Amino acid sequence: MPFAEPALLSMPRDNLNDILVFMAVTDRGSFTAGGQAMGLTRSAAGKAVARLEERLRARLLNRTTRALSLTDEGRTLYEHGLKILEAVEGAEASVMGPNGVPRGTLRITVPDAFGRHVVLPVLKKYLDAWPDVQVEVNLTDRLADIVEEGFDLALRIGGADLDAGLVSRVVAAYRVMICASPAYLAKRGEPKTVDDLARHDCLVFSSRSRRQSWRLRNDDGELVKAEGRSRLRLDSGEGLRDAALAGLGLAFLPAFLVEQDLAAGRLRQVLAGRASGAVKIVAIYPTKRRLEPRVRRFIDLLVEELATERD
């Protein structure tokens, strides 16, 4: 946009700052959180938005006791504000070049067990390499809204349907396997075919938004959905592993979560070779023409460190 530069140069700094406060309030969903993001009190953030509305002679936010929502005018301003921020980020990236030094805060959301077992060791190397970066990690098996909750990056097991404005990259793949404790198998017997699972207790991952489906190969090599009983469902991969160790049933889990237990004999693999390939680990992030160095470098390090796990 050729007119963007003179427009920005002629714009009073207070006006631009009020727009940034308005965008922070919109992103965080409240004056308190938006103000904190800009280093302001709730009152100062509210006054900045009020000044902006008065200057533009338009209401930008609908305010209720429970939530804020954009008016049509507010949405228009917000979309133009995104273009301004994108232009600023592009200018910084062009100066830093493709090998810009990572700095700032990297905010990521990661499945709990994967984060503890796999991501934390990678983060140590990342923090050692880039001292100007701070990292905030959200360890949860809940599918967070990346844009609404302000994350730079999400790691998902098995991929996910992408919303508009998001892109993904496969960073690793892990073998998946069915396993159970020796005590459970001694009591209930070891399944020899996929059909045998109908007589077993299957521990299944289940949350409000997702439920695990066991896709296995039958005796004919066809991919089928296993029809096992599911009396216990959990919303945590670590919880499924613990339940399997406690003898509560069979669990279908990625290798990174159970390999030490298998090596120590605490769990045993059953129906080897029936699992369908590997589960992919996918990095998901908002679409941008240029990724910030702190995000790009972390994704690259994940790919480098986890490459040995790929099939």
C-alpha atoms as a PDB file:
ATOM      1  CA  MET A   1       0.000   0.000   0.000  1.00  0.00           C
ATOM      2  CA  PRO A   2       1.939   3.073  -1.214  1.00  0.00           C
ATOM      3  CA  PHE A   3      -0.103   5.444   0.971  1.00  0.00           C
ATOM      4  CA  ALA A   4       0.584   3.555   4.187  1.00  0.00           C
ATOM      5  CA  GLU A   5       3.931   5.137   4.979  1.00  0.00           C
ATOM      6  CA  PRO A   6       2.891   8.828   4.843  1.00  0.00           C
ATOM      7  CA  ALA A   7      -0.329   7.937   6.657  1.00  0.00           C
ATOM      8  CA  LEU A   8       1.652   6.359   9.467  1.00  0.00           C
ATOM      9  CA  LEU A   9       4.170   9.201   9.570  1.00  0.00           C
ATOM     10  CA  SER A  10       1.460  11.822   9.801  1.00  0.00           C
ATOM     11  CA  MET A  11      -0.584   9.948  12.404  1.00  0.00           C
ATOM     12  CA  PRO A  12      -0.128  11.284  15.957  1.00  0.00           C
ATOM     13  CA  ARG A  13       1.546   8.671  18.133  1.00  0.00           C
ATOM     14  CA  ASP A  14      -1.253   8.831  20.701  1.00  0.00           C
ATOM     15  CA  ASN A  15      -3.776   7.899  17.994  1.00  0.00           C
ATOM     16  CA  LEU A  16      -1.738   4.871  16.949  1.00  0.00           C
ATOM     17  CA  ASN A  17      -1.271   3.823  20.557  1.00  0.00           C
ATOM     18  CA  ASP A  18      -5.024   3.996  21.182  1.00  0.00           C
ATOM     19  CA  ILE A  19      -5.597   1.738  18.170  1.00  0.00           C
ATOM     20  CA  LEU A  20      -3.072  -0.765  19.552  1.00  0.00           C
ATOM     21  CA  VAL A  21      -4.797  -0.710  22.946  1.00  0.00           C
ATOM     22  CA  PHE A  22      -8.169  -1.263  21.242  1.00  0.00           C
ATOM     23  CA  MET A  23      -6.721  -4.279  19.383  1.00  0.00           C
ATOM     24  CA  ALA A  24      -5.196  -5.698  22.572  1.00  0.00           C
ATOM     25  CA  VAL A  25      -8.542  -5.387  24.377  1.00  0.00           C
ATOM     26  CA  THR A  26     -10.262  -7.110  21.455  1.00  0.00           C
ATOM     27  CA  ASP A  27      -7.690  -9.914  21.334  1.00  0.00           C
ATOM     28  CA  ARG A  28      -7.788 -10.574  25.089  1.00  0.00           C
ATOM     29  CA  GLY A  29     -11.536 -10.130  25.467  1.00  0.00           C
ATOM     30  CA  SER A  30     -11.447  -7.639  28.355  1.00  0.00           C
ATOM     31  CA  PHE A  31     -10.135  -4.218  29.309  1.00  0.00           C
ATOM     32  CA  THR A  32      -8.186  -5.730  32.187  1.00  0.00           C
ATOM     33  CA  ALA A  33      -6.322  -8.341  30.111  1.00  0.00           C
ATOM     34  CA  GLY A  34      -5.892  -5.982  27.164  1.00  0.00           C
ATOM     35  CA  GLY A  35      -4.493  -3.295  29.427  1.00  0.00           C
ATOM     36  CA  GLN A  36      -2.059  -5.720  31.033  1.00  0.00           C
ATOM     37  CA  ALA A  37      -0.813  -6.757  27.584  1.00  0.00           C
ATOM     38  CA  MET A  38      -0.011  -3.092  26.890  1.00  0.00           C
ATOM     39  CA  GLY A  39       1.371  -2.354  30.351  1.00  0.00           C
ATOM     40  CA  LEU A  40      -1.705  -0.339  31.337  1.00  0.00           C
ATOM     41  CA  THR A  41      -4.347  -0.481  34.042  1.00  0.00           C
ATOM     42  CA  ARG A  42      -7.926  -1.432  33.216  1.00  0.00           C
ATOM     43  CA  SER A  43      -8.951   2.192  33.617  1.00  0.00           C
ATOM     44  CA  ALA A  44      -6.237   3.462  31.248  1.00  0.00           C
ATOM     45  CA  ALA A  45      -7.192   0.888  28.614  1.00  0.00           C
ATOM     46  CA  GLY A  46     -10.851   1.889  28.886  1.00  0.00           C
ATOM     47  CA  LYS A  47      -9.980   5.574  28.487  1.00  0.00           C
ATOM     48  CA  ALA A  48      -7.849   4.835  25.404  1.00  0.00           C
ATOM     49  CA  VAL A  49     -10.736   3.032  23.703  1.00  0.00           C
ATOM     50  CA  ALA A  50     -13.176   5.773  24.745  1.00  0.00           C
ATOM     51  CA  ARG A  51     -10.852   8.424  23.228  1.00  0.00           C
ATOM     52  CA  LEU A  52     -10.679   6.438  20.025  1.00  0.00           C
ATOM     53  CA  GLU A  53     -14.469   6.095  19.830  1.00  0.00           C
ATOM     54  CA  GLU A  54     -14.906   9.798  20.476  1.00  0.00           C
ATOM     55  CA  ARG A  55     -12.374  10.746  17.833  1.00  0.00           C
ATOM     56  CA  LEU A  56     -13.930   8.410  15.249  1.00  0.00           C
ATOM     57  CA  ARG A  57     -17.485   9.243  16.355  1.00  0.00           C
ATOM     58  CA  ALA A  58     -18.345   5.555  16.322  1.00  0.00           C
ATOM     59  CA  ARG A  59     -18.887   2.831  18.905  1.00  0.00           C
ATOM     60  CA  LEU A  60     -16.239   0.155  18.421  1.00  0.00           C
ATOM     61  CA  LEU A  61     -17.145  -2.325  21.162  1.00  0.00           C
ATOM     62  CA  ASN A  62     -20.425  -3.584  22.554  1.00  0.00           C
ATOM     63  CA  ARG A  63     -19.953  -3.815  26.309  1.00  0.00           C
ATOM     64  CA  THR A  64     -21.883  -6.148  28.607  1.00  0.00           C
ATOM     65  CA  THR A  65     -21.145  -7.299  32.133  1.00  0.00           C
ATOM     66  CA  ARG A  66     -19.891 -10.641  30.780  1.00  0.00           C
ATOM     67  CA  ALA A  67     -18.198  -9.982  27.454  1.00  0.00           C
ATOM     68  CA  LEU A  68     -17.056  -7.554  24.789  1.00  0.00           C
ATOM     69  CA  SER A  69     -17.913  -7.842  21.116  1.00  0.00           C
ATOM     70  CA  LEU A  70     -16.957  -5.835  18.051  1.00  0.00           C
ATOM     71  CA  THR A  71     -19.431  -3.580  16.300  1.00  0.00           C
ATOM     72  CA  ASP A  72     -19.303  -3.394  12.487  1.00  0.00           C
ATOM     73  CA  GLU A  73     -17.188  -0.241  12.784  1.00  0.00           C
ATOM     74  CA  GLY A  74     -14.926  -1.926  15.334  1.00  0.00           C
ATOM     75  CA  ARG A  75     -14.426  -4.931  13.085  1.00  0.00           C
ATOM     76  CA  THR A  76     -13.456  -2.676  10.180  1.00  0.00           C
ATOM     77  CA  LEU A  77     -10.916  -0.813  12.316  1.00  0.00           C
ATOM     78  CA  TYR A  78      -9.544  -4.067  13.741  1.00  0.00           C
ATOM     79  CA  GLU A  79      -8.983  -5.519  10.257  1.00  0.00           C
ATOM     80  CA  HIS A  80      -7.125  -2.372   9.162  1.00  0.00           C
ATOM     81  CA  GLY A  81      -5.112  -2.516  12.371  1.00  0.00           C
ATOM     82  CA  LEU A  82      -3.994  -6.046  11.517  1.00  0.00           C
ATOM     83  CA  LYS A  83      -2.645  -4.737   8.206  1.00  0.00           C
ATOM     84  CA  ILE A  84      -0.682  -2.063  10.052  1.00  0.00           C
ATOM     85  CA  LEU A  85       0.842  -4.648  12.396  1.00  0.00           C
ATOM     86  CA  GLU A  86       1.639  -6.935   9.483  1.00  0.00           C
ATOM     87  CA  ALA A  87       3.402  -4.056   7.732  1.00  0.00           C
ATOM     88  CA  VAL A  88       5.442  -3.328  10.865  1.00  0.00           C
ATOM     89  CA  GLU A  89       6.371  -6.996  11.271  1.00  0.00           C
ATOM     90  CA  GLY A  90       7.328  -7.158   7.598  1.00  0.00           C
ATOM     91  CA  ALA A  91       9.534  -4.087   7.983  1.00  0.00           C
ATOM     92  CA  GLU A  92      11.317  -5.593  10.981  1.00  0.00           C
ATOM     93  CA  ALA A  93      11.734  -8.943   9.235  1.00  0.00           C
ATOM     94  CA  SER A  94      13.174  -7.270   6.121  1.00  0.00           C
ATOM     95  CA  VAL A  95      15.808  -5.554   8.254  1.00  0.00           C
ATOM     96  CA  MET A  96      16.646  -8.668  10.273  1.00  0.00           C
ATOM     97  CA  GLY A  97      16.660 -10.857   7.173  1.00  0.00           C
ATOM     98  CA  PRO A  98      15.805 -14.576   7.058  1.00  0.00           C
ATOM     99  CA  ASN A  99      18.282 -15.310   9.851  1.00  0.00           C
ATOM    100  CA  GLY A 100      16.961 -12.736  12.321  1.00  0.00           C
ATOM    101  CA  VAL A 101      17.782 -13.295  15.992  1.00  0.00           C
ATOM    102  CA  PRO A 102      14.817 -14.685  17.979  1.00  0.00           C
ATOM    103  CA  ARG A 103      13.607 -12.410  20.762  1.00  0.00           C
ATOM    104  CA  GLY A 104      10.441 -11.761  22.717  1.00  0.00           C
ATOM    105  CA  THR A 105       8.006 -14.273  24.225  1.00  0.00           C
ATOM    106  CA  LEU A 106       7.122 -17.540  22.499  1.00  0.00           C
ATOM    107  CA  ARG A 107       3.690 -18.758  23.616  1.00  0.00           C
ATOM    108  CA  ILE A 108       2.907 -22.386  22.781  1.00  0.00           C
ATOM    109  CA  THR A 109       0.177 -24.872  23.676  1.00  0.00           C
ATOM    110  CA  VAL A 110       1.170 -28.537  23.808  1.00  0.00           C
ATOM    111  CA  PRO A 111      -0.519 -31.831  24.778  1.00  0.00           C
ATOM    112  CA  ASP A 112       0.407 -32.511  28.380  1.00  0.00           C
ATOM    113  CA  ALA A 113       2.261 -35.831  28.083  1.00  0.00           C
ATOM    114  CA  PHE A 114       4.001 -34.914  24.829  1.00  0.00           C
ATOM    115  CA  GLY A 115       5.076 -31.619  26.324  1.00  0.00           C
ATOM    116  CA  ARG A 116       6.578 -33.201  29.420  1.00  0.00           C
ATOM    117  CA  HIS A 117       8.292 -36.136  27.712  1.00  0.00           C
ATOM    118  CA  VAL A 118       9.404 -34.627  24.409  1.00  0.00           C
ATOM    119  CA  VAL A 119       9.043 -30.848  24.166  1.00  0.00           C
ATOM    120  CA  LEU A 120      10.723 -29.794  27.432  1.00  0.00           C
ATOM    121  CA  PRO A 121      14.113 -31.309  26.478  1.00  0.00           C
ATOM    122  CA  VAL A 122      13.907 -29.488  23.116  1.00  0.00           C
ATOM    123  CA  LEU A 123      12.997 -26.252  24.901  1.00  0.00           C
ATOM    124  CA  LYS A 124      16.140 -26.498  27.010  1.00  0.00           C
ATOM    125  CA  LYS A 125      18.282 -26.474  23.851  1.00  0.00           C
ATOM    126  CA  TYR A 126      16.174 -23.668  22.401  1.00  0.00           C
ATOM    127  CA  LEU A 127      16.549 -21.449  25.478  1.00  0.00           C
ATOM    128  CA  ASP A 128      20.266 -22.175  25.682  1.00  0.00           C
ATOM    129  CA  ALA A 129      20.682 -21.142  22.035  1.00  0.00           C
ATOM    130  CA  TRP A 130      18.565 -17.958  22.166  1.00  0.00           C
ATOM    131  CA  PRO A 131      18.985 -16.019  25.440  1.00  0.00           C
ATOM    132  CA  ASP A 132      16.728 -13.136  24.315  1.00  0.00           C
ATOM    133  CA  VAL A 133      13.640 -15.398  24.193  1.00  0.00           C
ATOM    134  CA  GLN A 134      11.191 -16.233  26.979  1.00  0.00           C
ATOM    135  CA  VAL A 135       8.769 -19.148  26.595  1.00  0.00           C
ATOM    136  CA  GLU A 136       5.280 -19.639  28.024  1.00  0.00           C
ATOM    137  CA  VAL A 137       4.045 -23.245  27.727  1.00  0.00           C
ATOM    138  CA  ASN A 138       0.415 -24.291  28.130  1.00  0.00           C
ATOM    139  CA  LEU A 139       0.404 -28.037  28.919  1.00  0.00           C
ATOM    140  CA  THR A 140      -3.094 -29.310  28.179  1.00  0.00           C
ATOM    141  CA  ASP A 141      -4.882 -31.948  26.133  1.00  0.00           C
ATOM    142  CA  ARG A 142      -7.639 -29.396  25.474  1.00  0.00           C
ATOM    143  CA  LEU A 143      -7.703 -28.002  21.924  1.00  0.00           C
ATOM    144  CA  ALA A 144      -6.952 -24.338  22.518  1.00  0.00           C
ATOM    145  CA  ASP A 145      -8.081 -21.619  20.119  1.00  0.00           C
ATOM    146  CA  ILE A 146      -4.674 -20.417  18.937  1.00  0.00           C
ATOM    147  CA  VAL A 147      -5.732 -17.002  17.654  1.00  0.00           C
ATOM    148  CA  GLU A 148      -8.290 -16.143  20.339  1.00  0.00           C
ATOM    149  CA  GLU A 149      -5.994 -17.207  23.176  1.00  0.00           C
ATOM    150  CA  GLY A 150      -2.927 -15.506  21.738  1.00  0.00           C
ATOM    151  CA  PHE A 151      -0.640 -18.495  21.085  1.00  0.00           C
ATOM    152  CA  ASP A 152       2.177 -18.342  18.542  1.00  0.00           C
ATOM    153  CA  LEU A 153       2.134 -22.085  18.016  1.00  0.00           C
ATOM    154  CA  ALA A 154       0.221 -25.247  18.888  1.00  0.00           C
ATOM    155  CA  LEU A 155       1.476 -28.816  18.711  1.00  0.00           C
ATOM    156  CA  ARG A 156      -1.186 -31.433  18.023  1.00  0.00           C
ATOM    157  CA  ILE A 157      -0.999 -35.222  18.019  1.00  0.00           C
ATOM    158  CA  GLY A 158      -2.583 -36.742  14.935  1.00  0.00           C
ATOM    159  CA  GLY A 159      -3.195 -33.383  13.248  1.00  0.00           C
ATOM    160  CA  ALA A 160      -6.441 -31.434  13.283  1.00  0.00           C
ATOM    161  CA  ASP A 161      -8.899 -29.682  11.021  1.00  0.00           C
ATOM    162  CA  LEU A 162      -7.498 -26.230  10.374  1.00  0.00           C
ATOM    163  CA  ASP A 163      -9.527 -23.064  10.767  1.00  0.00           C
ATOM    164  CA  ALA A 164      -9.126 -20.311   8.208  1.00  0.00           C
ATOM    165  CA  GLY A 165      -5.915 -18.383   8.708  1.00  0.00           C
ATOM    166  CA  LEU A 166      -3.948 -21.337  10.128  1.00  0.00           C
ATOM    167  CA  VAL A 167      -1.253 -23.464   8.523  1.00  0.00           C
ATOM    168  CA  SER A 168       0.453 -26.656   9.665  1.00  0.00           C
ATOM    169  CA  ARG A 169       3.754 -28.496   9.387  1.00  0.00           C
ATOM    170  CA  VAL A 170       4.528 -32.082  10.356  1.00  0.00           C
ATOM    171  CA  VAL A 171       7.451 -32.063  12.803  1.00  0.00           C
ATOM    172  CA  ALA A 172       7.618 -35.751  13.791  1.00  0.00           C
ATOM    173  CA  ALA A 173       5.860 -39.105  13.640  1.00  0.00           C
ATOM    174  CA  TYR A 174       5.713 -41.821  16.293  1.00  0.00           C
ATOM    175  CA  ARG A 175       4.768 -45.475  16.193  1.00  0.00           C
ATOM    176  CA  VAL A 176       1.539 -46.263  18.015  1.00  0.00           C
ATOM    177  CA  MET A 177       0.863 -49.503  19.827  1.00  0.00           C
ATOM    178  CA  ILE A 178      -1.635 -51.353  21.976  1.00  0.00           C
ATOM    179  CA  CYS A 179      -0.265 -52.262  25.379  1.00  0.00           C
ATOM    180  CA  ALA A 180      -1.362 -53.493  28.777  1.00  0.00           C
ATOM    181  CA  SER A 181       0.151 -54.466  32.099  1.00  0.00           C
ATOM    182  CA  PRO A 182       1.326 -58.056  32.646  1.00  0.00           C
ATOM    183  CA  ALA A 183      -1.191 -58.354  35.488  1.00  0.00           C
ATOM    184  CA  TYR A 184      -4.108 -57.410  33.209  1.00  0.00           C
ATOM    185  CA  LEU A 185      -2.998 -59.867  30.506  1.00  0.00           C
ATOM    186  CA  ALA A 186      -2.517 -62.659  33.061  1.00  0.00           C
ATOM    187  CA  LYS A 187      -6.080 -62.125  34.287  1.00  0.00           C
ATOM    188  CA  ARG A 188      -7.875 -61.472  30.987  1.00  0.00           C
ATOM    189  CA  GLY A 189      -5.693 -63.190  28.433  1.00  0.00           C
ATOM    190  CA  GLU A 190      -3.847 -61.709  25.463  1.00  0.00           C
ATOM    191  CA  PRO A 191      -5.887 -60.719  22.390  1.00  0.00           C
ATOM    192  CA  LYS A 192      -4.677 -62.499  19.249  1.00  0.00           C
ATOM    193  CA  THR A 193      -6.959 -60.823  16.676  1.00  0.00           C
ATOM    194  CA  VAL A 194      -8.711 -57.482  16.319  1.00  0.00           C
ATOM    195  CA  ASP A 195     -12.029 -59.215  16.989  1.00  0.00           C
ATOM    196  CA  ASP A 196     -10.718 -60.358  20.373  1.00  0.00           C
ATOM    197  CA  LEU A 197     -10.787 -56.729  21.551  1.00  0.00           C
ATOM    198  CA  ALA A 198     -14.562 -57.005  21.892  1.00  0.00           C
ATOM    199  CA  ARG A 199     -13.925 -59.098  25.026  1.00  0.00           C
ATOM    200  CA  HIS A 200     -11.470 -56.655  26.558  1.00  0.00           C
ATOM    201  CA  ASP A 201     -11.617 -53.336  28.387  1.00  0.00           C
ATOM    202  CA  CYS A 202     -10.190 -50.627  26.125  1.00  0.00           C
ATOM    203  CA  LEU A 203      -8.948 -47.391  27.660  1.00  0.00           C
ATOM    204  CA  VAL A 204      -9.947 -44.579  25.308  1.00  0.00           C
ATOM    205  CA  PHE A 205      -8.956 -40.921  25.067  1.00  0.00           C
ATOM    206  CA  SER A 206     -12.111 -38.808  25.155  1.00  0.00           C
ATOM    207  CA  SER A 207     -12.751 -35.099  25.657  1.00  0.00           C
ATOM    208  CA  ARG A 208     -15.563 -32.699  24.864  1.00  0.00           C
ATOM    209  CA  SER A 209     -14.204 -32.155  21.349  1.00  0.00           C
ATOM    210  CA  ARG A 210     -12.458 -35.437  20.505  1.00  0.00           C
ATOM    211  CA  ARG A 211     -12.779 -39.182  21.005  1.00  0.00           C
ATOM    212  CA  GLN A 212     -10.075 -41.646  20.089  1.00  0.00           C
ATOM    213  CA  SER A 213     -10.862 -44.246  17.432  1.00  0.00           C
ATOM    214  CA  TRP A 214      -8.766 -47.410  17.211  1.00  0.00           C
ATOM    215  CA  ARG A 215      -8.010 -48.069  13.527  1.00  0.00           C
ATOM    216  CA  LEU A 216      -6.297 -51.450  13.173  1.00  0.00           C
ATOM    217  CA  ARG A 217      -5.548 -53.999  10.454  1.00  0.00           C
ATOM    218  CA  ASN A 218      -7.511 -57.258  10.575  1.00  0.00           C
ATOM    219  CA  ASP A 219      -6.272 -60.702   9.487  1.00  0.00           C
ATOM    220  CA  ASP A 220      -6.862 -59.739   5.840  1.00  0.00           C
ATOM    221  CA  GLY A 221      -4.794 -56.587   6.178  1.00  0.00           C
ATOM    222  CA  GLU A 222      -7.843 -54.322   5.909  1.00  0.00           C
ATOM    223  CA  LEU A 223      -8.064 -51.208   8.050  1.00  0.00           C
ATOM    224  CA  VAL A 224     -11.025 -51.536  10.409  1.00  0.00           C
ATOM    225  CA  LYS A 225     -12.360 -49.814  13.502  1.00  0.00           C
ATOM    226  CA  ALA A 226     -11.787 -51.954  16.582  1.00  0.00           C
ATOM    227  CA  GLU A 227     -14.956 -52.740  18.517  1.00  0.00           C
ATOM    228  CA  GLY A 228     -13.656 -53.012  22.059  1.00  0.00           C
ATOM    229  CA  ARG A 229     -15.527 -52.235  25.262  1.00  0.00           C
ATOM    230  CA  SER A 230     -14.793 -48.823  26.694  1.00  0.00           C
ATOM    231  CA  ARG A 231     -15.745 -48.639  30.346  1.00  0.00           C
ATOM    232  CA  LEU A 232     -13.116 -46.031  31.231  1.00  0.00           C
ATOM    233  CA  ARG A 233     -12.409 -42.916  29.158  1.00  0.00           C
ATOM    234  CA  LEU A 234      -9.892 -40.207  30.041  1.00  0.00           C
ATOM    235  CA  ASP A 235      -8.951 -36.828  28.596  1.00  0.00           C
ATOM    236  CA  SER A 236      -5.227 -37.240  29.264  1.00  0.00           C
ATOM    237  CA  GLY A 237      -2.597 -39.325  27.488  1.00  0.00           C
ATOM    238  CA  GLU A 238      -0.631 -39.566  30.736  1.00  0.00           C
ATOM    239  CA  GLY A 239      -3.806 -40.699  32.456  1.00  0.00           C
ATOM    240  CA  LEU A 240      -4.310 -43.479  29.888  1.00  0.00           C
ATOM    241  CA  ARG A 241      -0.752 -44.693  30.488  1.00  0.00           C
ATOM    242  CA  ASP A 242      -1.280 -44.671  34.270  1.00  0.00           C
ATOM    243  CA  ALA A 243      -4.548 -46.569  33.894  1.00  0.00           C
ATOM    244  CA  ALA A 244      -2.848 -49.205  31.750  1.00  0.00           C
ATOM    245  CA  LEU A 245      -0.042 -49.544  34.328  1.00  0.00           C
ATOM    246  CA  ALA A 246      -2.705 -50.032  37.016  1.00  0.00           C
ATOM    247  CA  GLY A 247      -4.178 -52.974  35.097  1.00  0.00           C
ATOM    248  CA  LEU A 248      -7.419 -51.269  34.106  1.00  0.00           C
ATOM    249  CA  GLY A 249      -7.313 -52.292  30.458  1.00  0.00           C
ATOM    250  CA  LEU A 250      -5.630 -51.992  27.067  1.00  0.00           C
ATOM    251  CA  ALA A 251      -4.358 -48.601  25.902  1.00  0.00           C
ATOM    252  CA  PHE A 252      -3.504 -47.402  22.378  1.00  0.00           C
ATOM    253  CA  LEU A 253      -0.601 -44.993  22.815  1.00  0.00           C
ATOM    254  CA  PRO A 254       2.362 -43.455  20.943  1.00  0.00           C
ATOM    255  CA  ALA A 255       5.837 -44.876  21.532  1.00  0.00           C
ATOM    256  CA  PHE A 256       7.217 -41.761  23.239  1.00  0.00           C
ATOM    257  CA  LEU A 257       4.778 -42.280  26.112  1.00  0.00           C
ATOM    258  CA  VAL A 258       5.315 -45.989  26.807  1.00  0.00           C
ATOM    259  CA  GLU A 259       8.754 -46.995  25.478  1.00  0.00           C
ATOM    260  CA  GLN A 260      10.403 -46.884  28.917  1.00  0.00           C
ATOM    261  CA  ASP A 261       7.574 -48.914  30.458  1.00  0.00           C
ATOM    262  CA  LEU A 262       7.855 -51.509  27.670  1.00  0.00           C
ATOM    263  CA  ALA A 263      11.632 -51.765  28.137  1.00  0.00           C
ATOM    264  CA  ALA A 264      11.207 -52.205  31.912  1.00  0.00           C
ATOM    265  CA  GLY A 265       8.444 -54.811  31.533  1.00  0.00           C
ATOM    266  CA  ARG A 266       5.808 -52.679  33.233  1.00  0.00           C
ATOM    267  CA  LEU A 267       3.741 -52.832  30.034  1.00  0.00           C
ATOM    268  CA  ARG A 268       3.599 -55.372  27.214  1.00  0.00           C
ATOM    269  CA  GLN A 269       2.692 -54.742  23.607  1.00  0.00           C
ATOM    270  CA  VAL A 270      -0.109 -56.806  22.070  1.00  0.00           C
ATOM    271  CA  LEU A 271      -1.361 -57.176  18.497  1.00  0.00           C
ATOM    272  CA  ALA A 272       2.012 -56.012  17.188  1.00  0.00           C
ATOM    273  CA  GLY A 273       1.860 -54.955  13.556  1.00  0.00           C
ATOM    274  CA  ARG A 274      -1.887 -54.311  13.613  1.00  0.00           C
ATOM    275  CA  ALA A 275      -1.646 -50.574  14.357  1.00  0.00           C
ATOM    276  CA  SER A 276      -2.006 -48.356  11.271  1.00  0.00           C
ATOM    277  CA  GLY A 277       1.386 -46.738  10.742  1.00  0.00           C
ATOM    278  CA  ALA A 278       2.406 -43.802  12.876  1.00  0.00           C
ATOM    279  CA  VAL A 279       0.772 -40.825  14.528  1.00  0.00           C
ATOM    280  CA  LYS A 280       1.884 -37.448  13.209  1.00  0.00           C
ATOM    281  CA  ILE A 281       2.913 -34.535  15.400  1.00  0.00           C
ATOM    282  CA  VAL A 282       1.806 -31.311  13.728  1.00  0.00           C
ATOM    283  CA  ALA A 283       2.824 -27.720  14.426  1.00  0.00           C
ATOM    284  CA  ILE A 284      -0.039 -25.280  13.785  1.00  0.00           C
ATOM    285  CA  TYR A 285       0.386 -21.519  13.630  1.00  0.00           C
ATOM    286  CA  PRO A 286      -1.369 -18.435  12.213  1.00  0.00           C
ATOM    287  CA  THR A 287      -0.746 -17.657   8.555  1.00  0.00           C
ATOM    288  CA  LYS A 288       1.818 -14.898   8.072  1.00  0.00           C
ATOM    289  CA  ARG A 289       3.944 -13.932   5.140  1.00  0.00           C
ATOM    290  CA  ARG A 290       6.949 -14.055   7.459  1.00  0.00           C
ATOM    291  CA  LEU A 291       7.132 -16.081  10.653  1.00  0.00           C
ATOM    292  CA  GLU A 292       8.777 -14.339  13.579  1.00  0.00           C
ATOM    293  CA  PRO A 293      12.300 -15.728  14.109  1.00  0.00           C
ATOM    294  CA  ARG A 294      11.383 -17.051  17.563  1.00  0.00           C
ATOM    295  CA  VAL A 295       8.603 -19.216  16.045  1.00  0.00           C
ATOM    296  CA  ARG A 296      10.464 -20.321  12.931  1.00  0.00           C
ATOM    297  CA  ARG A 297      13.600 -21.288  14.869  1.00  0.00           C
ATOM    298  CA  PHE A 298      11.615 -23.352  17.375  1.00  0.00           C
ATOM    299  CA  ILE A 299       9.780 -25.260  14.641  1.00  0.00           C
ATOM    300  CA  ASP A 300      13.061 -25.916  12.829  1.00  0.00           C
ATOM    301  CA  LEU A 301      14.637 -27.189  16.055  1.00  0.00           C
ATOM    302  CA  LEU A 302      11.695 -29.526  16.669  1.00  0.00           C
ATOM    303  CA  VAL A 303      12.086 -30.998  13.190  1.00  0.00           C
ATOM    304  CA  GLU A 304      15.832 -31.391  13.690  1.00  0.00           C
ATOM    305  CA  GLU A 305      15.631 -32.953  17.158  1.00  0.00           C
ATOM    306  CA  LEU A 306      12.679 -35.260  16.461  1.00  0.00           C
ATOM    307  CA  ALA A 307      13.756 -36.380  12.981  1.00  0.00           C
ATOM    308  CA  THR A 308      14.936 -39.753  14.289  1.00  0.00           C
ATOM    309  CA  GLU A 309      11.369 -40.547  15.374  1.00  0.00           C
ATOM    310  CA  ARG A 310       9.985 -40.305  11.849  1.00  0.00           C
ATOM    311  CA  ASP A 311       8.970 -43.435   9.982  1.00  0.00           C
END
